[in-house]
Amino acid sequence: MAEPLPLTAHLYFDAETGEEERRSLTDGLAGLGLETYSATLGAFRGETLTWLVLVVLPLSGFLQNVGQILAQDACTALKRILGGALRRSPGEPPAPPRPLLLEDTRSATRILVEADLPVAAYQQLLELDLQSCTGRTLSYDRERNCWSGPGPRP
């Protein structure tokens, strides 16, 4: 029987992303069995990027693997890996917070991950049905304690 192909993740970093944050995310994803490929992007179509990191991957498969590999610690590990890429190093000048953006290659669902999400947000993320969110960008609604977002992208 043929070995399944490894999951791949394409990471697109904003030029302002620090080396420590890049390494933290790349190493964390590799530790979860993903092959990672990365690039640095400057202005996008003449506009400043509104996200710090864009990670494009088969998100459903990734979340299932994380749940199987890490079992009870999956939420904490996701928070450490994804949130770690968004932490600013001491001494860095203050800047407006920008999220990490996960994009599913199959459903085109995008997930905005902020640095200080509660563990419950990651638990819900592991259980999220991405096919029901096709083409939507979801963010965590702290008042309602759930992932939500507008309808499909144009």
C-alpha atoms as a PDB file:
ATOM      1  CA  MET A   1       0.000   0.000   0.000  1.00  0.00           C
ATOM      2  CA  ALA A   2       1.337   3.442  -0.925  1.00  0.00           C
ATOM      3  CA  GLU A   3       2.246   5.907   1.802  1.00  0.00           C
ATOM      4  CA  PRO A   4      -0.116   8.876   1.887  1.00  0.00           C
ATOM      5  CA  LEU A   5       1.425  12.079   0.598  1.00  0.00           C
ATOM      6  CA  PRO A   6       2.453  14.442   3.380  1.00  0.00           C
ATOM      7  CA  LEU A   7       0.292  17.508   3.930  1.00  0.00           C
ATOM      8  CA  THR A   8       1.895  20.694   2.685  1.00  0.00           C
ATOM      9  CA  ALA A   9       1.511  24.222   3.959  1.00  0.00           C
ATOM     10  CA  HIS A  10       2.488  27.338   2.060  1.00  0.00           C
ATOM     11  CA  LEU A  11       3.387  30.160   4.442  1.00  0.00           C
ATOM     12  CA  TYR A  12       3.345  33.750   3.204  1.00  0.00           C
ATOM     13  CA  PHE A  13       4.956  36.162   5.645  1.00  0.00           C
ATOM     14  CA  ASP A  14       4.616  39.906   5.768  1.00  0.00           C
ATOM     15  CA  ALA A  15       8.032  41.567   5.358  1.00  0.00           C
ATOM     16  CA  GLU A  16       7.779  42.806   8.965  1.00  0.00           C
ATOM     17  CA  THR A  17       7.451  39.293  10.444  1.00  0.00           C
ATOM     18  CA  GLY A  18      10.422  38.611  12.715  1.00  0.00           C
ATOM     19  CA  GLU A  19      12.766  35.657  12.232  1.00  0.00           C
ATOM     20  CA  GLU A  20      11.782  34.188  15.623  1.00  0.00           C
ATOM     21  CA  GLU A  21       8.075  34.217  14.697  1.00  0.00           C
ATOM     22  CA  ARG A  22       8.817  32.676  11.289  1.00  0.00           C
ATOM     23  CA  ARG A  23      10.899  29.901  12.817  1.00  0.00           C
ATOM     24  CA  SER A  24       8.334  29.263  15.564  1.00  0.00           C
ATOM     25  CA  LEU A  25       5.508  28.735  13.066  1.00  0.00           C
ATOM     26  CA  THR A  26       7.551  26.801  10.499  1.00  0.00           C
ATOM     27  CA  ASP A  27       9.079  24.475  13.109  1.00  0.00           C
ATOM     28  CA  GLY A  28       5.730  24.011  14.875  1.00  0.00           C
ATOM     29  CA  LEU A  29       3.932  23.026  11.682  1.00  0.00           C
ATOM     30  CA  ALA A  30       6.794  20.742  10.640  1.00  0.00           C
ATOM     31  CA  GLY A  31       6.582  19.103  14.072  1.00  0.00           C
ATOM     32  CA  LEU A  32       2.952  18.282  13.290  1.00  0.00           C
ATOM     33  CA  GLY A  33       3.969  16.487  10.095  1.00  0.00           C
ATOM     34  CA  LEU A  34       3.499  19.227   7.500  1.00  0.00           C
ATOM     35  CA  GLU A  35       5.962  20.005   4.732  1.00  0.00           C
ATOM     36  CA  THR A  36       6.304  23.777   4.783  1.00  0.00           C
ATOM     37  CA  TYR A  37       7.233  26.177   2.013  1.00  0.00           C
ATOM     38  CA  SER A  38       7.581  29.855   2.793  1.00  0.00           C
ATOM     39  CA  ALA A  39       7.910  33.189   1.053  1.00  0.00           C
ATOM     40  CA  THR A  40       7.959  36.840   2.076  1.00  0.00           C
ATOM     41  CA  LEU A  41       5.456  39.200   0.513  1.00  0.00           C
ATOM     42  CA  GLY A  42       5.637  42.977   0.374  1.00  0.00           C
ATOM     43  CA  ALA A  43       2.730  45.124  -0.730  1.00  0.00           C
ATOM     44  CA  PHE A  44      -0.123  43.151  -2.288  1.00  0.00           C
ATOM     45  CA  ARG A  45      -1.552  44.843  -5.362  1.00  0.00           C
ATOM     46  CA  GLY A  46      -0.217  48.139  -4.101  1.00  0.00           C
ATOM     47  CA  GLU A  47      -1.913  47.784  -0.703  1.00  0.00           C
ATOM     48  CA  THR A  48      -0.426  47.051   2.690  1.00  0.00           C
ATOM     49  CA  LEU A  49      -1.111  43.539   3.936  1.00  0.00           C
ATOM     50  CA  THR A  50      -3.719  43.367   6.691  1.00  0.00           C
ATOM     51  CA  TRP A  51      -2.420  40.033   7.982  1.00  0.00           C
ATOM     52  CA  LEU A  52       0.972  39.051   9.316  1.00  0.00           C
ATOM     53  CA  VAL A  53       1.085  35.469   8.033  1.00  0.00           C
ATOM     54  CA  LEU A  54      -1.071  33.609   5.498  1.00  0.00           C
ATOM     55  CA  VAL A  55      -0.958  29.810   5.769  1.00  0.00           C
ATOM     56  CA  VAL A  56      -2.548  27.959   2.832  1.00  0.00           C
ATOM     57  CA  LEU A  57      -3.077  24.243   3.451  1.00  0.00           C
ATOM     58  CA  PRO A  58      -5.669  21.446   3.370  1.00  0.00           C
ATOM     59  CA  LEU A  59      -7.068  22.664   6.678  1.00  0.00           C
ATOM     60  CA  SER A  60      -9.546  19.832   7.314  1.00  0.00           C
ATOM     61  CA  GLY A  61      -6.835  17.200   6.970  1.00  0.00           C
ATOM     62  CA  PHE A  62      -4.453  19.242   9.084  1.00  0.00           C
ATOM     63  CA  LEU A  63      -6.969  19.726  11.903  1.00  0.00           C
ATOM     64  CA  GLN A  64      -7.876  16.011  11.862  1.00  0.00           C
ATOM     65  CA  ASN A  65      -4.182  15.058  12.038  1.00  0.00           C
ATOM     66  CA  VAL A  66      -3.569  17.469  14.909  1.00  0.00           C
ATOM     67  CA  GLY A  67      -6.494  15.985  16.800  1.00  0.00           C
ATOM     68  CA  GLN A  68      -5.231  12.431  16.252  1.00  0.00           C
ATOM     69  CA  ILE A  69      -1.568  13.143  16.962  1.00  0.00           C
ATOM     70  CA  LEU A  70      -1.993  15.286  20.013  1.00  0.00           C
ATOM     71  CA  ALA A  71      -5.331  14.063  21.416  1.00  0.00           C
ATOM     72  CA  GLN A  72      -6.006  16.042  24.614  1.00  0.00           C
ATOM     73  CA  ASP A  73      -3.176  18.524  24.045  1.00  0.00           C
ATOM     74  CA  ALA A  74      -4.259  19.478  20.502  1.00  0.00           C
ATOM     75  CA  CYS A  75      -5.871  22.782  21.502  1.00  0.00           C
ATOM     76  CA  THR A  76      -2.962  23.861  23.657  1.00  0.00           C
ATOM     77  CA  ALA A  77      -0.461  22.922  20.927  1.00  0.00           C
ATOM     78  CA  LEU A  78      -2.382  24.839  18.258  1.00  0.00           C
ATOM     79  CA  LYS A  79      -2.538  27.878  20.519  1.00  0.00           C
ATOM     80  CA  ARG A  80       1.216  27.651  21.168  1.00  0.00           C
ATOM     81  CA  ILE A  81       2.167  27.192  17.502  1.00  0.00           C
ATOM     82  CA  LEU A  82      -0.251  29.620  15.833  1.00  0.00           C
ATOM     83  CA  GLY A  83      -0.331  32.186  18.634  1.00  0.00           C
ATOM     84  CA  GLY A  84       3.464  32.043  18.945  1.00  0.00           C
ATOM     85  CA  ALA A  85       3.848  33.304  15.400  1.00  0.00           C
ATOM     86  CA  LEU A  86       1.890  36.434  16.345  1.00  0.00           C
ATOM     87  CA  ARG A  87       3.764  37.396  19.528  1.00  0.00           C
ATOM     88  CA  ARG A  88       5.930  40.462  19.305  1.00  0.00           C
ATOM     89  CA  SER A  89       9.441  40.310  20.667  1.00  0.00           C
ATOM     90  CA  PRO A  90      10.264  42.528  23.650  1.00  0.00           C
ATOM     91  CA  GLY A  91      11.595  45.848  22.480  1.00  0.00           C
ATOM     92  CA  GLU A  92       9.722  45.828  19.181  1.00  0.00           C
ATOM     93  CA  PRO A  93       7.842  49.055  18.548  1.00  0.00           C
ATOM     94  CA  PRO A  94       4.089  48.871  19.153  1.00  0.00           C
ATOM     95  CA  ALA A  95       2.046  48.153  16.059  1.00  0.00           C
ATOM     96  CA  PRO A  96      -1.607  47.456  15.356  1.00  0.00           C
ATOM     97  CA  PRO A  97      -2.365  43.763  15.883  1.00  0.00           C
ATOM     98  CA  ARG A  98      -2.599  41.749  12.685  1.00  0.00           C
ATOM     99  CA  PRO A  99      -3.864  38.164  12.547  1.00  0.00           C
ATOM    100  CA  LEU A 100      -2.482  34.986  11.111  1.00  0.00           C
ATOM    101  CA  LEU A 101      -4.743  33.805   8.301  1.00  0.00           C
ATOM    102  CA  LEU A 102      -5.361  30.103   7.624  1.00  0.00           C
ATOM    103  CA  GLU A 103      -6.829  29.287   4.203  1.00  0.00           C
ATOM    104  CA  ASP A 104      -8.216  25.872   3.316  1.00  0.00           C
ATOM    105  CA  THR A 105      -7.150  24.736  -0.155  1.00  0.00           C
ATOM    106  CA  ARG A 106     -10.383  22.777  -0.692  1.00  0.00           C
ATOM    107  CA  SER A 107     -13.178  25.009   0.596  1.00  0.00           C
ATOM    108  CA  ALA A 108     -11.434  28.417   0.328  1.00  0.00           C
ATOM    109  CA  THR A 109     -12.527  29.022   3.921  1.00  0.00           C
ATOM    110  CA  ARG A 110     -10.288  31.485   5.732  1.00  0.00           C
ATOM    111  CA  ILE A 111      -9.760  31.549   9.496  1.00  0.00           C
ATOM    112  CA  LEU A 112      -8.442  34.707  11.202  1.00  0.00           C
ATOM    113  CA  VAL A 113      -6.295  33.653  14.161  1.00  0.00           C
ATOM    114  CA  GLU A 114      -5.469  36.339  16.720  1.00  0.00           C
ATOM    115  CA  ALA A 115      -2.608  36.097  19.201  1.00  0.00           C
ATOM    116  CA  ASP A 116      -4.680  35.872  22.370  1.00  0.00           C
ATOM    117  CA  LEU A 117      -7.526  33.503  21.477  1.00  0.00           C
ATOM    118  CA  PRO A 118      -8.825  31.330  24.321  1.00  0.00           C
ATOM    119  CA  VAL A 119      -8.202  27.568  24.235  1.00  0.00           C
ATOM    120  CA  ALA A 120     -11.960  27.096  23.640  1.00  0.00           C
ATOM    121  CA  ALA A 121     -11.560  28.802  20.242  1.00  0.00           C
ATOM    122  CA  TYR A 122      -8.994  26.204  19.207  1.00  0.00           C
ATOM    123  CA  GLN A 123     -11.231  23.387  20.460  1.00  0.00           C
ATOM    124  CA  GLN A 124     -14.046  24.691  18.241  1.00  0.00           C
ATOM    125  CA  LEU A 125     -11.614  25.104  15.348  1.00  0.00           C
ATOM    126  CA  LEU A 126     -10.715  21.406  15.556  1.00  0.00           C
ATOM    127  CA  GLU A 127     -14.431  20.548  15.290  1.00  0.00           C
ATOM    128  CA  LEU A 128     -15.355  23.097  12.596  1.00  0.00           C
ATOM    129  CA  ASP A 129     -17.039  21.809   9.406  1.00  0.00           C
ATOM    130  CA  LEU A 130     -15.154  23.801   6.766  1.00  0.00           C
ATOM    131  CA  GLN A 131     -17.400  22.635   3.933  1.00  0.00           C
ATOM    132  CA  SER A 132     -20.321  24.471   5.532  1.00  0.00           C
ATOM    133  CA  CYS A 133     -18.238  27.670   5.482  1.00  0.00           C
ATOM    134  CA  THR A 134     -17.069  27.549   1.856  1.00  0.00           C
ATOM    135  CA  GLY A 135     -15.666  30.873   0.675  1.00  0.00           C
ATOM    136  CA  ARG A 136     -16.159  32.597   4.033  1.00  0.00           C
ATOM    137  CA  THR A 137     -13.656  34.326   6.292  1.00  0.00           C
ATOM    138  CA  LEU A 138     -14.279  33.381   9.910  1.00  0.00           C
ATOM    139  CA  SER A 139     -13.108  35.126  13.047  1.00  0.00           C
ATOM    140  CA  TYR A 140     -13.684  34.238  16.669  1.00  0.00           C
ATOM    141  CA  ASP A 141     -16.557  36.190  18.224  1.00  0.00           C
ATOM    142  CA  ARG A 142     -15.552  36.588  21.864  1.00  0.00           C
ATOM    143  CA  GLU A 143     -18.999  37.753  22.970  1.00  0.00           C
ATOM    144  CA  ARG A 144     -20.764  34.716  21.504  1.00  0.00           C
ATOM    145  CA  ASN A 145     -17.797  32.348  22.007  1.00  0.00           C
ATOM    146  CA  CYS A 146     -17.947  30.944  18.476  1.00  0.00           C
ATOM    147  CA  TRP A 147     -16.412  31.219  15.024  1.00  0.00           C
ATOM    148  CA  SER A 148     -18.501  33.363  12.678  1.00  0.00           C
ATOM    149  CA  GLY A 149     -18.192  35.484   9.598  1.00  0.00           C
ATOM    150  CA  PRO A 150     -19.931  37.065   6.658  1.00  0.00           C
ATOM    151  CA  GLY A 151     -21.178  35.133   3.644  1.00  0.00           C
ATOM    152  CA  PRO A 152     -19.048  33.978   0.703  1.00  0.00           C
ATOM    153  CA  ARG A 153     -16.314  36.193  -0.677  1.00  0.00           C
ATOM    154  CA  PRO A 154     -17.035  37.882  -4.006  1.00  0.00           C
END
